[in-house]
Amino acid sequence: MDITITLIGESAAADLEGLAAWLAEEDELRGRVTVPAPAVRADEMGGIADTLVVALGAQGAGAILATAVSTWIKHRRPSADVEFSREGGMSVKVSVRDANPETVDALVRKALEP
């Protein structure tokens, strides 16, 4: 199963690079994180990536992803707007504003539940 993570906001492209690097540090996620090339319209010279895709093949990878993303949010941003989408059209948007660490963990884990 693949999970698409979309960052929303003015700094989404820069933050996406940081999140992709952060996730790549997790042994269980290494090699499973990709940043797809954004679609380019005819009137554009290029697009800016704001999504990444994580392939969750191994058992427990979802829990590891949830922990890694919630830790990244707590360490990198006082607030975040992150959308998690999975195959089949299910999508959950998580908006965090100066929340305590336990709340961030709970929100991300809930968003990534099968």
PDB file of N, CA and C in Angstrom:
ATOM      1  N   MET A   1       0.849  -1.171   0.000  1.00  0.00           N
ATOM      2  CA  MET A   1       0.000   0.000   0.000  1.00  0.00           C
ATOM      3  C   MET A   1       0.898   1.239   0.000  1.00  0.00           C
ATOM      4  N   ASP A   2       0.515   2.217  -0.781  1.00  0.00           N
ATOM      5  CA  ASP A   2       1.238   3.484  -0.834  1.00  0.00           C
ATOM      6  C   ASP A   2       0.465   4.554  -0.082  1.00  0.00           C
ATOM      7  N   ILE A   3       1.198   5.398   0.616  1.00  0.00           N
ATOM      8  CA  ILE A   3       0.637   6.569   1.279  1.00  0.00           C
ATOM      9  C   ILE A   3       1.246   7.793   0.601  1.00  0.00           C
ATOM     10  N   THR A   4       0.389   8.709   0.162  1.00  0.00           N
ATOM     11  CA  THR A   4       0.852   9.968  -0.408  1.00  0.00           C
ATOM     12  C   THR A   4       0.732  11.028   0.674  1.00  0.00           C
ATOM     13  N   ILE A   5       1.815  11.747   0.896  1.00  0.00           N
ATOM     14  CA  ILE A   5       1.829  12.813   1.895  1.00  0.00           C
ATOM     15  C   ILE A   5       1.983  14.133   1.153  1.00  0.00           C
ATOM     16  N   THR A   6       1.022  15.019   1.361  1.00  0.00           N
ATOM     17  CA  THR A   6       1.043  16.334   0.733  1.00  0.00           C
ATOM     18  C   THR A   6       1.193  17.391   1.819  1.00  0.00           C
ATOM     19  N   LEU A   7       2.174  18.243   1.656  1.00  0.00           N
ATOM     20  CA  LEU A   7       2.352  19.362   2.574  1.00  0.00           C
ATOM     21  C   LEU A   7       1.674  20.579   1.978  1.00  0.00           C
ATOM     22  N   ILE A   8       1.027  21.354   2.820  1.00  0.00           N
ATOM     23  CA  ILE A   8       0.241  22.491   2.367  1.00  0.00           C
ATOM     24  C   ILE A   8       0.804  23.750   3.015  1.00  0.00           C
ATOM     25  N   GLY A   9       0.959  24.796   2.216  1.00  0.00           N
ATOM     26  CA  GLY A   9       1.429  26.066   2.757  1.00  0.00           C
ATOM     27  C   GLY A   9       2.532  26.658   1.906  1.00  0.00           C
ATOM     28  N   GLU A  10       2.953  27.864   2.278  1.00  0.00           N
ATOM     29  CA  GLU A  10       3.943  28.607   1.502  1.00  0.00           C
ATOM     30  C   GLU A  10       5.293  27.905   1.422  1.00  0.00           C
ATOM     31  N   SER A  11       5.673  27.207   2.466  1.00  0.00           N
ATOM     32  CA  SER A  11       6.992  26.578   2.499  1.00  0.00           C
ATOM     33  C   SER A  11       6.922  25.081   2.208  1.00  0.00           C
ATOM     34  N   ALA A  12       5.852  24.635   1.552  1.00  0.00           N
ATOM     35  CA  ALA A  12       5.644  23.206   1.322  1.00  0.00           C
ATOM     36  C   ALA A  12       6.797  22.558   0.570  1.00  0.00           C
ATOM     37  N   ALA A  13       7.304  23.201  -0.463  1.00  0.00           N
ATOM     38  CA  ALA A  13       8.372  22.599  -1.262  1.00  0.00           C
ATOM     39  C   ALA A  13       9.642  22.412  -0.442  1.00  0.00           C
ATOM     40  N   ALA A  14      10.032  23.434   0.304  1.00  0.00           N
ATOM     41  CA  ALA A  14      11.232  23.333   1.141  1.00  0.00           C
ATOM     42  C   ALA A  14      11.024  22.321   2.261  1.00  0.00           C
ATOM     43  N   ASP A  15       9.851  22.343   2.862  1.00  0.00           N
ATOM     44  CA  ASP A  15       9.557  21.408   3.941  1.00  0.00           C
ATOM     45  C   ASP A  15       9.514  19.975   3.440  1.00  0.00           C
ATOM     46  N   LEU A  16       9.068  19.800   2.205  1.00  0.00           N
ATOM     47  CA  LEU A  16       8.997  18.458   1.630  1.00  0.00           C
ATOM     48  C   LEU A  16      10.381  17.828   1.536  1.00  0.00           C
ATOM     49  N   GLU A  17      11.361  18.609   1.130  1.00  0.00           N
ATOM     50  CA  GLU A  17      12.737  18.102   1.073  1.00  0.00           C
ATOM     51  C   GLU A  17      13.189  17.630   2.448  1.00  0.00           C
ATOM     52  N   GLY A  18      12.894  18.423   3.458  1.00  0.00           N
ATOM     53  CA  GLY A  18      13.274  18.069   4.822  1.00  0.00           C
ATOM     54  C   GLY A  18      12.570  16.811   5.304  1.00  0.00           C
ATOM     55  N   LEU A  19      11.274  16.694   5.000  1.00  0.00           N
ATOM     56  CA  LEU A  19      10.529  15.508   5.418  1.00  0.00           C
ATOM     57  C   LEU A  19      11.031  14.271   4.688  1.00  0.00           C
ATOM     58  N   ALA A  20      11.303  14.379   3.402  1.00  0.00           N
ATOM     59  CA  ALA A  20      11.802  13.226   2.639  1.00  0.00           C
ATOM     60  C   ALA A  20      13.140  12.757   3.208  1.00  0.00           C
ATOM     61  N   ALA A  21      14.014  13.691   3.529  1.00  0.00           N
ATOM     62  CA  ALA A  21      15.314  13.334   4.116  1.00  0.00           C
ATOM     63  C   ALA A  21      15.129  12.710   5.499  1.00  0.00           C
ATOM     64  N   TRP A  22      14.201  13.258   6.265  1.00  0.00           N
ATOM     65  CA  TRP A  22      13.912  12.743   7.614  1.00  0.00           C
ATOM     66  C   TRP A  22      13.430  11.293   7.534  1.00  0.00           C
ATOM     67  N   LEU A  23      12.494  11.029   6.635  1.00  0.00           N
ATOM     68  CA  LEU A  23      11.958   9.678   6.500  1.00  0.00           C
ATOM     69  C   LEU A  23      13.012   8.700   5.988  1.00  0.00           C
ATOM     70  N   ALA A  24      13.905   9.182   5.130  1.00  0.00           N
ATOM     71  CA  ALA A  24      14.949   8.318   4.573  1.00  0.00           C
ATOM     72  C   ALA A  24      15.935   7.861   5.637  1.00  0.00           C
ATOM     73  N   GLU A  25      15.967   8.533   6.773  1.00  0.00           N
ATOM     74  CA  GLU A  25      16.843   8.138   7.874  1.00  0.00           C
ATOM     75  C   GLU A  25      16.310   6.930   8.640  1.00  0.00           C
ATOM     76  N   GLU A  26      15.030   6.619   8.470  1.00  0.00           N
ATOM     77  CA  GLU A  26      14.434   5.461   9.133  1.00  0.00           C
ATOM     78  C   GLU A  26      14.798   4.207   8.356  1.00  0.00           C
ATOM     79  N   ASP A  27      15.450   3.249   9.008  1.00  0.00           N
ATOM     80  CA  ASP A  27      15.876   2.020   8.330  1.00  0.00           C
ATOM     81  C   ASP A  27      14.728   1.339   7.597  1.00  0.00           C
ATOM     82  N   GLU A  28      13.567   1.244   8.240  1.00  0.00           N
ATOM     83  CA  GLU A  28      12.430   0.534   7.658  1.00  0.00           C
ATOM     84  C   GLU A  28      11.791   1.268   6.484  1.00  0.00           C
ATOM     85  N   LEU A  29      12.075   2.565   6.352  1.00  0.00           N
ATOM     86  CA  LEU A  29      11.488   3.363   5.268  1.00  0.00           C
ATOM     87  C   LEU A  29      12.498   3.686   4.164  1.00  0.00           C
ATOM     88  N   ARG A  30      13.764   3.413   4.419  1.00  0.00           N
ATOM     89  CA  ARG A  30      14.812   3.728   3.433  1.00  0.00           C
ATOM     90  C   ARG A  30      14.523   3.014   2.119  1.00  0.00           C
ATOM     91  N   GLY A  31      14.538   3.765   1.030  1.00  0.00           N
ATOM     92  CA  GLY A  31      14.263   3.221  -0.290  1.00  0.00           C
ATOM     93  C   GLY A  31      12.778   3.133  -0.616  1.00  0.00           C
ATOM     94  N   ARG A  32      11.926   3.494   0.324  1.00  0.00           N
ATOM     95  CA  ARG A  32      10.471   3.424   0.117  1.00  0.00           C
ATOM     96  C   ARG A  32       9.844   4.799  -0.099  1.00  0.00           C
ATOM     97  N   VAL A  33      10.645   5.848   0.008  1.00  0.00           N
ATOM     98  CA  VAL A  33      10.144   7.218  -0.100  1.00  0.00           C
ATOM     99  C   VAL A  33      10.549   7.789  -1.448  1.00  0.00           C
ATOM    100  N   THR A  34       9.571   8.263  -2.210  1.00  0.00           N
ATOM    101  CA  THR A  34       9.849   8.896  -3.494  1.00  0.00           C
ATOM    102  C   THR A  34       9.124  10.236  -3.572  1.00  0.00           C
ATOM    103  N   VAL A  35       9.714  11.143  -4.328  1.00  0.00           N
ATOM    104  CA  VAL A  35       9.082  12.438  -4.594  1.00  0.00           C
ATOM    105  C   VAL A  35       8.765  12.455  -6.076  1.00  0.00           C
ATOM    106  N   PRO A  36       7.491  12.211  -6.433  1.00  0.00           N
ATOM    107  CA  PRO A  36       7.141  12.187  -7.857  1.00  0.00           C
ATOM    108  C   PRO A  36       7.281  13.566  -8.494  1.00  0.00           C
ATOM    109  N   ALA A  37       7.659  13.574  -9.747  1.00  0.00           N
ATOM    110  CA  ALA A  37       7.767  14.836 -10.475  1.00  0.00           C
ATOM    111  C   ALA A  37       6.370  15.442 -10.622  1.00  0.00           C
ATOM    112  N   PRO A  38       6.243  16.720 -10.332  1.00  0.00           N
ATOM    113  CA  PRO A  38       4.928  17.353 -10.446  1.00  0.00           C
ATOM    114  C   PRO A  38       4.520  17.511 -11.909  1.00  0.00           C
ATOM    115  N   ALA A  39       3.232  17.541 -12.131  1.00  0.00           N
ATOM    116  CA  ALA A  39       2.720  17.769 -13.481  1.00  0.00           C
ATOM    117  C   ALA A  39       3.051  19.200 -13.900  1.00  0.00           C
ATOM    118  N   VAL A  40       3.420  19.371 -15.148  1.00  0.00           N
ATOM    119  CA  VAL A  40       3.766  20.694 -15.673  1.00  0.00           C
ATOM    120  C   VAL A  40       2.733  21.082 -16.719  1.00  0.00           C
ATOM    121  N   ARG A  41       2.130  22.245 -16.496  1.00  0.00           N
ATOM    122  CA  ARG A  41       1.157  22.742 -17.465  1.00  0.00           C
ATOM    123  C   ARG A  41       1.884  23.394 -18.629  1.00  0.00           C
ATOM    124  N   ALA A  42       1.172  23.578 -19.720  1.00  0.00           N
ATOM    125  CA  ALA A  42       1.766  24.125 -20.941  1.00  0.00           C
ATOM    126  C   ALA A  42       2.364  25.520 -20.726  1.00  0.00           C
ATOM    127  N   ASP A  43       1.798  26.307 -19.826  1.00  0.00           N
ATOM    128  CA  ASP A  43       2.271  27.671 -19.616  1.00  0.00           C
ATOM    129  C   ASP A  43       3.311  27.786 -18.498  1.00  0.00           C
ATOM    130  N   GLU A  44       3.850  26.659 -18.016  1.00  0.00           N
ATOM    131  CA  GLU A  44       4.832  26.665 -16.945  1.00  0.00           C
ATOM    132  C   GLU A  44       6.173  26.125 -17.430  1.00  0.00           C
ATOM    133  N   MET A  45       7.238  26.555 -16.794  1.00  0.00           N
ATOM    134  CA  MET A  45       8.562  26.022 -17.099  1.00  0.00           C
ATOM    135  C   MET A  45       8.849  24.776 -16.276  1.00  0.00           C
ATOM    136  N   GLY A  46       8.156  24.621 -15.187  1.00  0.00           N
ATOM    137  CA  GLY A  46       8.355  23.453 -14.316  1.00  0.00           C
ATOM    138  C   GLY A  46       7.471  23.579 -13.101  1.00  0.00           C
ATOM    139  N   GLY A  47       7.239  22.466 -12.464  1.00  0.00           N
ATOM    140  CA  GLY A  47       6.397  22.470 -11.278  1.00  0.00           C
ATOM    141  C   GLY A  47       7.239  22.298 -10.021  1.00  0.00           C
ATOM    142  N   ILE A  48       6.634  22.581  -8.884  1.00  0.00           N
ATOM    143  CA  ILE A  48       7.296  22.421  -7.597  1.00  0.00           C
ATOM    144  C   ILE A  48       6.621  21.265  -6.878  1.00  0.00           C
ATOM    145  N   ALA A  49       7.429  20.324  -6.434  1.00  0.00           N
ATOM    146  CA  ALA A  49       6.895  19.157  -5.743  1.00  0.00           C
ATOM    147  C   ALA A  49       6.357  19.551  -4.377  1.00  0.00           C
ATOM    148  N   ASP A  50       5.171  19.042  -4.053  1.00  0.00           N
ATOM    149  CA  ASP A  50       4.609  19.256  -2.726  1.00  0.00           C
ATOM    150  C   ASP A  50       4.095  17.951  -2.133  1.00  0.00           C
ATOM    151  N   THR A  51       4.395  16.830  -2.807  1.00  0.00           N
ATOM    152  CA  THR A  51       3.968  15.530  -2.301  1.00  0.00           C
ATOM    153  C   THR A  51       5.128  14.545  -2.322  1.00  0.00           C
ATOM    154  N   LEU A  52       5.008  13.549  -1.461  1.00  0.00           N
ATOM    155  CA  LEU A  52       5.909  12.417  -1.514  1.00  0.00           C
ATOM    156  C   LEU A  52       5.080  11.159  -1.318  1.00  0.00           C
ATOM    157  N   VAL A  53       5.613  10.046  -1.772  1.00  0.00           N
ATOM    158  CA  VAL A  53       4.914   8.774  -1.688  1.00  0.00           C
ATOM    159  C   VAL A  53       5.775   7.813  -0.890  1.00  0.00           C
ATOM    160  N   VAL A  54       5.123   7.125   0.060  1.00  0.00           N
ATOM    161  CA  VAL A  54       5.805   6.129   0.880  1.00  0.00           C
ATOM    162  C   VAL A  54       5.150   4.785   0.615  1.00  0.00           C
ATOM    163  N   ALA A  55       5.941   3.818   0.193  1.00  0.00           N
ATOM    164  CA  ALA A  55       5.450   2.451  -0.040  1.00  0.00           C
ATOM    165  C   ALA A  55       5.525   1.692   1.276  1.00  0.00           C
ATOM    166  N   LEU A  56       4.374   1.300   1.790  1.00  0.00           N
ATOM    167  CA  LEU A  56       4.329   0.577   3.060  1.00  0.00           C
ATOM    168  C   LEU A  56       4.157  -0.911   2.795  1.00  0.00           C
ATOM    169  N   GLY A  57       5.234  -1.591   2.527  1.00  0.00           N
ATOM    170  CA  GLY A  57       5.159  -3.017   2.248  1.00  0.00           C
ATOM    171  C   GLY A  57       5.356  -3.870   3.479  1.00  0.00           C
ATOM    172  N   ALA A  58       6.245  -3.454   4.349  1.00  0.00           N
ATOM    173  CA  ALA A  58       6.593  -4.265   5.517  1.00  0.00           C
ATOM    174  C   ALA A  58       5.591  -4.077   6.645  1.00  0.00           C
ATOM    175  N   GLN A  59       5.406  -5.145   7.402  1.00  0.00           N
ATOM    176  CA  GLN A  59       4.540  -5.031   8.573  1.00  0.00           C
ATOM    177  C   GLN A  59       5.173  -4.055   9.548  1.00  0.00           C
ATOM    178  N   GLY A  60       4.369  -3.207  10.124  1.00  0.00           N
ATOM    179  CA  GLY A  60       4.866  -2.234  11.072  1.00  0.00           C
ATOM    180  C   GLY A  60       5.365  -0.950  10.440  1.00  0.00           C
ATOM    181  N   ALA A  61       5.439  -0.902   9.114  1.00  0.00           N
ATOM    182  CA  ALA A  61       5.944   0.299   8.447  1.00  0.00           C
ATOM    183  C   ALA A  61       5.007   1.485   8.671  1.00  0.00           C
ATOM    184  N   GLY A  62       3.709   1.253   8.775  1.00  0.00           N
ATOM    185  CA  GLY A  62       2.753   2.332   9.018  1.00  0.00           C
ATOM    186  C   GLY A  62       2.984   2.993  10.363  1.00  0.00           C
ATOM    187  N   ALA A  63       3.255   2.196  11.388  1.00  0.00           N
ATOM    188  CA  ALA A  63       3.534   2.741  12.723  1.00  0.00           C
ATOM    189  C   ALA A  63       4.838   3.520  12.710  1.00  0.00           C
ATOM    190  N   ILE A  64       5.825   3.015  11.993  1.00  0.00           N
ATOM    191  CA  ILE A  64       7.117   3.712  11.894  1.00  0.00           C
ATOM    192  C   ILE A  64       6.939   5.032  11.161  1.00  0.00           C
ATOM    193  N   LEU A  65       6.144   5.015  10.086  1.00  0.00           N
ATOM    194  CA  LEU A  65       5.861   6.248   9.351  1.00  0.00           C
ATOM    195  C   LEU A  65       5.147   7.255  10.248  1.00  0.00           C
ATOM    196  N   ALA A  66       4.150   6.809  10.998  1.00  0.00           N
ATOM    197  CA  ALA A  66       3.402   7.700  11.893  1.00  0.00           C
ATOM    198  C   ALA A  66       4.334   8.337  12.918  1.00  0.00           C
ATOM    199  N   THR A  67       5.206   7.546  13.509  1.00  0.00           N
ATOM    200  CA  THR A  67       6.149   8.072  14.496  1.00  0.00           C
ATOM    201  C   THR A  67       7.103   9.069  13.855  1.00  0.00           C
ATOM    202  N   ALA A  68       7.625   8.730  12.680  1.00  0.00           N
ATOM    203  CA  ALA A  68       8.586   9.612  12.005  1.00  0.00           C
ATOM    204  C   ALA A  68       7.938  10.941  11.613  1.00  0.00           C
ATOM    205  N   VAL A  69       6.726  10.896  11.055  1.00  0.00           N
ATOM    206  CA  VAL A  69       6.056  12.136  10.624  1.00  0.00           C
ATOM    207  C   VAL A  69       5.693  12.993  11.829  1.00  0.00           C
ATOM    208  N   SER A  70       5.165  12.384  12.884  1.00  0.00           N
ATOM    209  CA  SER A  70       4.790  13.186  14.055  1.00  0.00           C
ATOM    210  C   SER A  70       6.023  13.792  14.719  1.00  0.00           C
ATOM    211  N   THR A  71       7.125  13.064  14.751  1.00  0.00           N
ATOM    212  CA  THR A  71       8.367  13.612  15.309  1.00  0.00           C
ATOM    213  C   THR A  71       8.869  14.762  14.447  1.00  0.00           C
ATOM    214  N   TRP A  72       8.798  14.604  13.117  1.00  0.00           N
ATOM    215  CA  TRP A  72       9.217  15.674  12.216  1.00  0.00           C
ATOM    216  C   TRP A  72       8.375  16.932  12.455  1.00  0.00           C
ATOM    217  N   ILE A  73       7.064  16.764  12.575  1.00  0.00           N
ATOM    218  CA  ILE A  73       6.185  17.919  12.813  1.00  0.00           C
ATOM    219  C   ILE A  73       6.583  18.612  14.112  1.00  0.00           C
ATOM    220  N   LYS A  74       6.799  17.844  15.167  1.00  0.00           N
ATOM    221  CA  LYS A  74       7.123  18.427  16.476  1.00  0.00           C
ATOM    222  C   LYS A  74       8.464  19.153  16.458  1.00  0.00           C
ATOM    223  N   HIS A  75       9.435  18.660  15.690  1.00  0.00           N
ATOM    224  CA  HIS A  75      10.766  19.256  15.695  1.00  0.00           C
ATOM    225  C   HIS A  75      10.958  20.349  14.658  1.00  0.00           C
ATOM    226  N   ARG A  76      10.195  20.316  13.597  1.00  0.00           N
ATOM    227  CA  ARG A  76      10.430  21.247  12.499  1.00  0.00           C
ATOM    228  C   ARG A  76       9.448  22.403  12.430  1.00  0.00           C
ATOM    229  N   ARG A  77       8.259  22.213  12.936  1.00  0.00           N
ATOM    230  CA  ARG A  77       7.231  23.221  12.713  1.00  0.00           C
ATOM    231  C   ARG A  77       6.349  23.367  13.943  1.00  0.00           C
ATOM    232  N   PRO A  78       6.045  24.595  14.317  1.00  0.00           N
ATOM    233  CA  PRO A  78       5.069  24.763  15.393  1.00  0.00           C
ATOM    234  C   PRO A  78       3.655  24.476  14.902  1.00  0.00           C
ATOM    235  N   SER A  79       3.485  24.532  13.587  1.00  0.00           N
ATOM    236  CA  SER A  79       2.189  24.219  13.009  1.00  0.00           C
ATOM    237  C   SER A  79       2.429  23.517  11.677  1.00  0.00           C
ATOM    238  N   ALA A  80       1.449  22.737  11.265  1.00  0.00           N
ATOM    239  CA  ALA A  80       1.595  22.004  10.007  1.00  0.00           C
ATOM    240  C   ALA A  80       0.232  21.662   9.448  1.00  0.00           C
ATOM    241  N   ASP A  81       0.151  21.641   8.135  1.00  0.00           N
ATOM    242  CA  ASP A  81      -1.015  21.141   7.413  1.00  0.00           C
ATOM    243  C   ASP A  81      -0.504  20.031   6.515  1.00  0.00           C
ATOM    244  N   VAL A  82      -0.905  18.812   6.831  1.00  0.00           N
ATOM    245  CA  VAL A  82      -0.422  17.635   6.119  1.00  0.00           C
ATOM    246  C   VAL A  82      -1.625  16.804   5.705  1.00  0.00           C
ATOM    247  N   GLU A  83      -1.636  16.386   4.443  1.00  0.00           N
ATOM    248  CA  GLU A  83      -2.712  15.522   3.958  1.00  0.00           C
ATOM    249  C   GLU A  83      -2.131  14.148   3.644  1.00  0.00           C
ATOM    250  N   PHE A  84      -2.775  13.118   4.180  1.00  0.00           N
ATOM    251  CA  PHE A  84      -2.396  11.733   3.940  1.00  0.00           C
ATOM    252  C   PHE A  84      -3.449  11.109   3.032  1.00  0.00           C
ATOM    253  N   SER A  85      -3.027  10.539   1.912  1.00  0.00           N
ATOM    254  CA  SER A  85      -3.950   9.896   0.976  1.00  0.00           C
ATOM    255  C   SER A  85      -3.453   8.489   0.719  1.00  0.00           C
ATOM    256  N   ARG A  86      -4.398   7.588   0.519  1.00  0.00           N
ATOM    257  CA  ARG A  86      -4.010   6.222   0.178  1.00  0.00           C
ATOM    258  C   ARG A  86      -4.789   5.763  -1.026  1.00  0.00           C
ATOM    259  N   GLU A  87      -4.314   4.670  -1.594  1.00  0.00           N
ATOM    260  CA  GLU A  87      -4.966   4.108  -2.768  1.00  0.00           C
ATOM    261  C   GLU A  87      -6.437   3.848  -2.438  1.00  0.00           C
ATOM    262  N   GLY A  88      -7.283   4.058  -3.398  1.00  0.00           N
ATOM    263  CA  GLY A  88      -8.708   3.868  -3.186  1.00  0.00           C
ATOM    264  C   GLY A  88      -9.435   5.166  -2.886  1.00  0.00           C
ATOM    265  N   GLY A  89      -8.691   6.278  -2.796  1.00  0.00           N
ATOM    266  CA  GLY A  89      -9.331   7.569  -2.648  1.00  0.00           C
ATOM    267  C   GLY A  89      -9.493   8.082  -1.233  1.00  0.00           C
ATOM    268  N   MET A  90      -9.129   7.313  -0.205  1.00  0.00           N
ATOM    269  CA  MET A  90      -9.268   7.783   1.168  1.00  0.00           C
ATOM    270  C   MET A  90      -8.215   8.845   1.453  1.00  0.00           C
ATOM    271  N   SER A  91      -8.621   9.953   2.051  1.00  0.00           N
ATOM    272  CA  SER A  91      -7.720  11.062   2.314  1.00  0.00           C
ATOM    273  C   SER A  91      -8.081  11.705   3.651  1.00  0.00           C
ATOM    274  N   VAL A  92      -7.055  12.050   4.429  1.00  0.00           N
ATOM    275  CA  VAL A  92      -7.264  12.702   5.722  1.00  0.00           C
ATOM    276  C   VAL A  92      -6.309  13.876   5.812  1.00  0.00           C
ATOM    277  N   LYS A  93      -6.827  15.041   6.151  1.00  0.00           N
ATOM    278  CA  LYS A  93      -5.996  16.224   6.328  1.00  0.00           C
ATOM    279  C   LYS A  93      -5.838  16.483   7.822  1.00  0.00           C
ATOM    280  N   VAL A  94      -4.594  16.678   8.246  1.00  0.00           N
ATOM    281  CA  VAL A  94      -4.289  16.953   9.641  1.00  0.00           C
ATOM    282  C   VAL A  94      -3.738  18.369   9.725  1.00  0.00           C
ATOM    283  N   SER A  95      -4.390  19.196  10.525  1.00  0.00           N
ATOM    284  CA  SER A  95      -3.916  20.561  10.768  1.00  0.00           C
ATOM    285  C   SER A  95      -3.520  20.670  12.229  1.00  0.00           C
ATOM    286  N   VAL A  96      -2.271  21.025  12.469  1.00  0.00           N
ATOM    287  CA  VAL A  96      -1.747  21.101  13.829  1.00  0.00           C
ATOM    288  C   VAL A  96      -1.324  22.540  14.089  1.00  0.00           C
ATOM    289  N   ARG A  97      -1.779  23.079  15.194  1.00  0.00           N
ATOM    290  CA  ARG A  97      -1.416  24.438  15.598  1.00  0.00           C
ATOM    291  C   ARG A  97      -0.955  24.406  17.042  1.00  0.00           C
ATOM    292  N   ASP A  98       0.358  24.468  17.243  1.00  0.00           N
ATOM    293  CA  ASP A  98       0.947  24.516  18.584  1.00  0.00           C
ATOM    294  C   ASP A  98       0.362  23.468  19.524  1.00  0.00           C
ATOM    295  N   ALA A  99       0.196  22.259  19.028  1.00  0.00           N
ATOM    296  CA  ALA A  99      -0.364  21.172  19.831  1.00  0.00           C
ATOM    297  C   ALA A  99       0.732  20.503  20.652  1.00  0.00           C
ATOM    298  N   ASN A 100       0.320  19.872  21.741  1.00  0.00           N
ATOM    299  CA  ASN A 100       1.305  19.140  22.537  1.00  0.00           C
ATOM    300  C   ASN A 100       1.715  17.867  21.798  1.00  0.00           C
ATOM    301  N   PRO A 101       2.867  17.304  22.129  1.00  0.00           N
ATOM    302  CA  PRO A 101       3.386  16.138  21.405  1.00  0.00           C
ATOM    303  C   PRO A 101       2.436  14.940  21.372  1.00  0.00           C
ATOM    304  N   GLU A 102       1.722  14.700  22.437  1.00  0.00           N
ATOM    305  CA  GLU A 102       0.793  13.569  22.477  1.00  0.00           C
ATOM    306  C   GLU A 102      -0.350  13.745  21.480  1.00  0.00           C
ATOM    307  N   THR A 103      -0.823  14.977  21.333  1.00  0.00           N
ATOM    308  CA  THR A 103      -1.895  15.253  20.381  1.00  0.00           C
ATOM    309  C   THR A 103      -1.408  15.060  18.952  1.00  0.00           C
ATOM    310  N   VAL A 104      -0.192  15.533  18.664  1.00  0.00           N
ATOM    311  CA  VAL A 104       0.374  15.358  17.324  1.00  0.00           C
ATOM    312  C   VAL A 104       0.486  13.869  17.008  1.00  0.00           C
ATOM    313  N   ASP A 105       1.026  13.078  17.940  1.00  0.00           N
ATOM    314  CA  ASP A 105       1.150  11.630  17.738  1.00  0.00           C
ATOM    315  C   ASP A 105      -0.207  11.000  17.452  1.00  0.00           C
ATOM    316  N   ALA A 106      -1.198  11.334  18.262  1.00  0.00           N
ATOM    317  CA  ALA A 106      -2.527  10.738  18.112  1.00  0.00           C
ATOM    318  C   ALA A 106      -3.158  11.096  16.766  1.00  0.00           C
ATOM    319  N   LEU A 107      -3.024  12.358  16.346  1.00  0.00           N
ATOM    320  CA  LEU A 107      -3.614  12.783  15.077  1.00  0.00           C
ATOM    321  C   LEU A 107      -2.980  12.073  13.891  1.00  0.00           C
ATOM    322  N   VAL A 108      -1.658  11.977  13.880  1.00  0.00           N
ATOM    323  CA  VAL A 108      -0.972  11.335  12.751  1.00  0.00           C
ATOM    324  C   VAL A 108      -1.272   9.839  12.726  1.00  0.00           C
ATOM    325  N   ARG A 109      -1.248   9.191  13.879  1.00  0.00           N
ATOM    326  CA  ARG A 109      -1.564   7.747  13.925  1.00  0.00           C
ATOM    327  C   ARG A 109      -2.993   7.484  13.446  1.00  0.00           C
ATOM    328  N   LYS A 110      -3.925   8.324  13.841  1.00  0.00           N
ATOM    329  CA  LYS A 110      -5.318   8.162  13.436  1.00  0.00           C
ATOM    330  C   LYS A 110      -5.436   8.339  11.907  1.00  0.00           C
ATOM    331  N   ALA A 111      -4.720   9.307  11.372  1.00  0.00           N
ATOM    332  CA  ALA A 111      -4.779   9.562   9.919  1.00  0.00           C
ATOM    333  C   ALA A 111      -4.219   8.388   9.128  1.00  0.00           C
ATOM    334  N   LEU A 112      -3.268   7.665   9.695  1.00  0.00           N
ATOM    335  CA  LEU A 112      -2.621   6.575   8.978  1.00  0.00           C
ATOM    336  C   LEU A 112      -3.215   5.199   9.273  1.00  0.00           C
ATOM    337  N   GLU A 113      -4.251   5.153  10.103  1.00  0.00           N
ATOM    338  CA  GLU A 113      -4.899   3.864  10.381  1.00  0.00           C
ATOM    339  C   GLU A 113      -5.478   3.267   9.089  1.00  0.00           C
ATOM    340  N   PRO A 114      -5.377   1.938   8.958  1.00  0.00           N
ATOM    341  CA  PRO A 114      -5.960   1.308   7.749  1.00  0.00           C
ATOM    342  C   PRO A 114      -7.474   1.355   7.758  1.00  0.00           C
TER     343      PRO A 114
END
